[in-house]
N, C-alpha and C. Protein backbone atom coordinates (compact mmCIF):
# COMPACT_ATOMS: atom_id res chain seq x y z
N MET A 1 -29.77 -3.35 -5.86
CA MET A 1 -29.87 -2.55 -4.67
C MET A 1 -28.47 -2.05 -4.32
N GLU A 2 -28.38 -0.83 -3.86
CA GLU A 2 -27.10 -0.28 -3.41
C GLU A 2 -27.17 0.04 -1.93
N ALA A 3 -26.07 -0.16 -1.26
CA ALA A 3 -25.97 0.14 0.17
C ALA A 3 -24.57 0.67 0.44
N THR A 4 -24.47 1.51 1.44
CA THR A 4 -23.17 2.05 1.82
C THR A 4 -22.51 1.12 2.83
N THR A 5 -21.26 1.37 3.13
CA THR A 5 -20.58 0.55 4.14
C THR A 5 -21.22 0.75 5.51
N LYS A 6 -21.75 1.93 5.74
CA LYS A 6 -22.45 2.17 7.00
C LYS A 6 -23.72 1.32 7.07
N ASP A 7 -24.45 1.24 5.95
CA ASP A 7 -25.64 0.38 5.91
C ASP A 7 -25.25 -1.07 6.16
N LEU A 8 -24.14 -1.48 5.59
CA LEU A 8 -23.68 -2.85 5.79
C LEU A 8 -23.39 -3.12 7.26
N ARG A 9 -22.78 -2.16 7.92
CA ARG A 9 -22.45 -2.31 9.33
C ARG A 9 -23.70 -2.31 10.21
N LEU A 10 -24.64 -1.42 9.90
CA LEU A 10 -25.80 -1.25 10.77
C LEU A 10 -27.00 -2.12 10.40
N HIS A 11 -27.09 -2.54 9.14
CA HIS A 11 -28.27 -3.27 8.67
C HIS A 11 -27.89 -4.57 7.96
N THR A 12 -26.96 -5.29 8.51
CA THR A 12 -26.46 -6.51 7.89
C THR A 12 -27.57 -7.52 7.65
N ARG A 13 -28.42 -7.72 8.64
CA ARG A 13 -29.49 -8.72 8.52
C ARG A 13 -30.41 -8.41 7.35
N GLU A 14 -30.77 -7.14 7.18
CA GLU A 14 -31.66 -6.77 6.09
C GLU A 14 -30.99 -6.98 4.73
N LEU A 15 -29.71 -6.68 4.64
CA LEU A 15 -28.99 -6.87 3.38
C LEU A 15 -28.85 -8.35 3.05
N LEU A 16 -28.62 -9.17 4.06
CA LEU A 16 -28.54 -10.61 3.83
C LEU A 16 -29.90 -11.17 3.42
N SER A 17 -30.96 -10.62 3.99
CA SER A 17 -32.31 -11.04 3.59
C SER A 17 -32.57 -10.70 2.13
N ALA A 18 -32.06 -9.56 1.68
CA ALA A 18 -32.21 -9.16 0.28
C ALA A 18 -31.50 -10.16 -0.63
N THR A 19 -30.33 -10.63 -0.24
CA THR A 19 -29.62 -11.62 -1.06
C THR A 19 -30.37 -12.94 -1.06
N ASP A 20 -31.02 -13.29 0.05
CA ASP A 20 -31.82 -14.52 0.08
C ASP A 20 -32.99 -14.44 -0.89
N ARG A 21 -33.49 -13.25 -1.13
CA ARG A 21 -34.58 -13.05 -2.09
C ARG A 21 -34.08 -13.02 -3.52
N GLY A 22 -32.78 -13.14 -3.73
CA GLY A 22 -32.22 -13.17 -5.07
C GLY A 22 -31.65 -11.85 -5.55
N GLU A 23 -31.65 -10.84 -4.70
CA GLU A 23 -31.12 -9.54 -5.11
C GLU A 23 -29.60 -9.52 -4.96
N GLU A 24 -28.96 -8.70 -5.75
CA GLU A 24 -27.54 -8.43 -5.60
C GLU A 24 -27.41 -7.07 -4.95
N VAL A 25 -26.59 -6.97 -3.92
CA VAL A 25 -26.41 -5.71 -3.20
C VAL A 25 -25.02 -5.17 -3.54
N ILE A 26 -24.98 -3.97 -4.09
CA ILE A 26 -23.72 -3.30 -4.40
C ILE A 26 -23.34 -2.45 -3.19
N ILE A 27 -22.15 -2.68 -2.65
CA ILE A 27 -21.67 -1.93 -1.50
C ILE A 27 -20.82 -0.77 -2.01
N THR A 28 -21.15 0.44 -1.57
CA THR A 28 -20.39 1.62 -1.98
C THR A 28 -19.64 2.19 -0.79
N TYR A 29 -18.51 2.81 -1.09
CA TYR A 29 -17.71 3.48 -0.08
C TYR A 29 -17.32 4.84 -0.65
N ARG A 30 -17.79 5.86 0.01
CA ARG A 30 -17.57 7.23 -0.45
C ARG A 30 -18.06 7.44 -1.87
N GLY A 31 -19.20 6.85 -2.17
CA GLY A 31 -19.84 7.04 -3.47
C GLY A 31 -19.32 6.16 -4.59
N LYS A 32 -18.30 5.36 -4.33
CA LYS A 32 -17.73 4.49 -5.37
C LYS A 32 -18.08 3.04 -5.06
N ARG A 33 -18.42 2.30 -6.10
CA ARG A 33 -18.73 0.89 -5.93
C ARG A 33 -17.47 0.13 -5.53
N ARG A 34 -17.60 -0.68 -4.47
CA ARG A 34 -16.43 -1.40 -3.95
C ARG A 34 -16.62 -2.91 -3.90
N ALA A 35 -17.86 -3.38 -3.72
CA ALA A 35 -18.08 -4.83 -3.58
C ALA A 35 -19.50 -5.18 -3.98
N LYS A 36 -19.70 -6.48 -4.23
CA LYS A 36 -21.04 -6.97 -4.54
C LYS A 36 -21.35 -8.09 -3.55
N LEU A 37 -22.51 -8.01 -2.94
CA LEU A 37 -22.97 -9.02 -1.99
C LEU A 37 -24.03 -9.86 -2.69
N VAL A 38 -23.76 -11.16 -2.83
CA VAL A 38 -24.70 -12.07 -3.49
C VAL A 38 -24.91 -13.28 -2.60
N ALA A 39 -25.98 -14.01 -2.87
CA ALA A 39 -26.28 -15.20 -2.09
C ALA A 39 -25.26 -16.30 -2.37
N TRP A 40 -24.95 -17.08 -1.37
CA TRP A 40 -24.02 -18.20 -1.50
C TRP A 40 -24.74 -19.36 -2.16
N ASN A 41 -24.15 -19.88 -3.22
CA ASN A 41 -24.73 -21.00 -3.94
C ASN A 41 -23.90 -22.24 -3.66
N GLU A 42 -24.37 -23.07 -2.75
CA GLU A 42 -23.62 -24.25 -2.32
C GLU A 42 -23.38 -25.23 -3.46
N GLU A 43 -24.38 -25.42 -4.32
CA GLU A 43 -24.24 -26.37 -5.43
C GLU A 43 -23.18 -25.92 -6.42
N GLN A 44 -23.11 -24.63 -6.68
CA GLN A 44 -22.12 -24.11 -7.62
C GLN A 44 -20.70 -24.29 -7.08
N GLN A 45 -20.52 -24.15 -5.78
CA GLN A 45 -19.20 -24.27 -5.20
C GLN A 45 -18.66 -25.69 -5.32
N HIS A 46 -19.53 -26.70 -5.25
CA HIS A 46 -19.08 -28.08 -5.35
C HIS A 46 -18.83 -28.52 -6.78
N THR A 47 -19.44 -27.85 -7.74
CA THR A 47 -19.27 -28.26 -9.13
C THR A 47 -18.01 -27.71 -9.76
N GLU A 48 -17.46 -26.66 -9.18
CA GLU A 48 -16.25 -26.08 -9.75
C GLU A 48 -15.07 -27.02 -9.49
N VAL A 49 -14.36 -27.35 -10.52
CA VAL A 49 -13.20 -28.23 -10.40
C VAL A 49 -11.97 -27.40 -10.71
N ARG A 50 -11.04 -27.47 -9.81
CA ARG A 50 -9.80 -26.72 -10.00
C ARG A 50 -8.80 -27.64 -10.68
N GLU A 51 -8.52 -27.36 -11.94
CA GLU A 51 -7.66 -28.25 -12.71
C GLU A 51 -6.19 -28.05 -12.41
N ARG A 52 -5.75 -26.81 -12.31
CA ARG A 52 -4.34 -26.55 -12.11
C ARG A 52 -4.14 -25.48 -11.05
N ASN A 53 -3.03 -25.57 -10.41
CA ASN A 53 -2.62 -24.55 -9.48
C ASN A 53 -2.27 -23.30 -10.27
N PRO A 54 -2.69 -22.09 -9.81
CA PRO A 54 -2.37 -20.88 -10.57
C PRO A 54 -0.87 -20.63 -10.70
N ALA A 55 -0.07 -21.23 -9.86
CA ALA A 55 1.37 -21.03 -9.92
C ALA A 55 2.03 -21.93 -10.96
N PHE A 56 1.27 -22.75 -11.65
CA PHE A 56 1.84 -23.71 -12.59
C PHE A 56 2.70 -23.04 -13.66
N GLY A 57 2.23 -21.95 -14.21
CA GLY A 57 2.96 -21.27 -15.26
C GLY A 57 4.28 -20.68 -14.80
N LEU A 58 4.39 -20.36 -13.52
CA LEU A 58 5.63 -19.78 -13.00
C LEU A 58 6.78 -20.77 -13.03
N TRP A 59 6.46 -22.05 -12.82
CA TRP A 59 7.50 -23.06 -12.69
C TRP A 59 7.53 -24.03 -13.87
N ARG A 60 7.01 -23.62 -14.99
CA ARG A 60 6.93 -24.50 -16.15
C ARG A 60 8.32 -24.99 -16.58
N ALA A 61 9.33 -24.12 -16.49
CA ALA A 61 10.67 -24.47 -16.95
C ALA A 61 11.48 -25.22 -15.90
N GLN A 62 10.98 -25.37 -14.70
CA GLN A 62 11.72 -26.04 -13.63
C GLN A 62 11.75 -27.55 -13.88
N ASP A 63 12.93 -28.14 -13.85
CA ASP A 63 13.04 -29.59 -14.04
C ASP A 63 12.48 -30.36 -12.86
N ALA A 64 12.69 -29.83 -11.65
CA ALA A 64 12.23 -30.54 -10.46
C ALA A 64 10.71 -30.62 -10.41
N CYS A 65 10.05 -29.63 -10.98
CA CYS A 65 8.60 -29.58 -10.94
C CYS A 65 7.96 -30.46 -11.99
N SER A 66 8.68 -30.79 -13.04
CA SER A 66 8.07 -31.55 -14.14
C SER A 66 7.76 -32.99 -13.73
N SER A 67 8.48 -33.54 -12.76
CA SER A 67 8.25 -34.92 -12.37
C SER A 67 7.12 -35.09 -11.36
N GLN A 68 6.66 -34.01 -10.79
CA GLN A 68 5.57 -34.09 -9.82
C GLN A 68 4.63 -32.91 -10.01
N SER A 69 3.49 -32.96 -9.34
CA SER A 69 2.55 -31.86 -9.50
C SER A 69 3.07 -30.63 -8.77
N VAL A 70 2.55 -29.48 -9.16
CA VAL A 70 2.98 -28.23 -8.54
C VAL A 70 2.64 -28.23 -7.06
N ASP A 71 1.45 -28.75 -6.72
CA ASP A 71 1.06 -28.78 -5.31
C ASP A 71 2.05 -29.60 -4.47
N ASP A 72 2.47 -30.75 -4.99
CA ASP A 72 3.44 -31.58 -4.26
C ASP A 72 4.79 -30.88 -4.15
N TYR A 73 5.18 -30.20 -5.22
CA TYR A 73 6.45 -29.48 -5.22
C TYR A 73 6.45 -28.36 -4.17
N VAL A 74 5.34 -27.63 -4.09
CA VAL A 74 5.25 -26.54 -3.12
C VAL A 74 5.23 -27.09 -1.70
N ARG A 75 4.50 -28.19 -1.48
CA ARG A 75 4.50 -28.80 -0.14
C ARG A 75 5.90 -29.24 0.27
N ALA A 76 6.65 -29.82 -0.67
CA ALA A 76 8.01 -30.26 -0.37
C ALA A 76 8.90 -29.07 -0.04
N MET A 77 8.70 -27.95 -0.74
CA MET A 77 9.50 -26.76 -0.45
C MET A 77 9.18 -26.18 0.93
N ARG A 78 7.95 -26.30 1.36
CA ARG A 78 7.51 -25.70 2.63
C ARG A 78 7.78 -26.57 3.85
N LYS A 79 8.23 -27.79 3.63
CA LYS A 79 8.52 -28.67 4.77
C LYS A 79 9.64 -28.06 5.60
N PRO A 80 9.55 -28.22 6.92
CA PRO A 80 10.66 -27.73 7.74
C PRO A 80 11.93 -28.54 7.48
N ARG A 81 13.04 -27.89 7.62
CA ARG A 81 14.32 -28.56 7.38
C ARG A 81 14.62 -29.52 8.52
N GLU A 82 15.24 -30.61 8.16
CA GLU A 82 15.64 -31.61 9.17
C GLU A 82 17.15 -31.49 9.35
N LEU A 83 17.55 -31.30 10.57
CA LEU A 83 18.98 -31.20 10.87
C LEU A 83 19.57 -32.59 11.05
N PRO A 84 20.80 -32.82 10.54
CA PRO A 84 21.41 -34.15 10.65
C PRO A 84 21.83 -34.47 12.06
């Protein structure tokens, strides 16, 4: 099913009902496909396991990062500074 952005704004409930029935709704803007509206699958979201942070490859050569996980390294970098 295809719908315009105006349809999305004015007929949201009907489009969501279509996704509940298993349909995929393609949202178009000025005649070009821009987005796909699909039903939320709760079971699929819980089964996905995120193995690595996407930033892992950026810091592969960093010595400080090799001793800890990337997530811990980023958290340590984002901590506010403590003044002596």
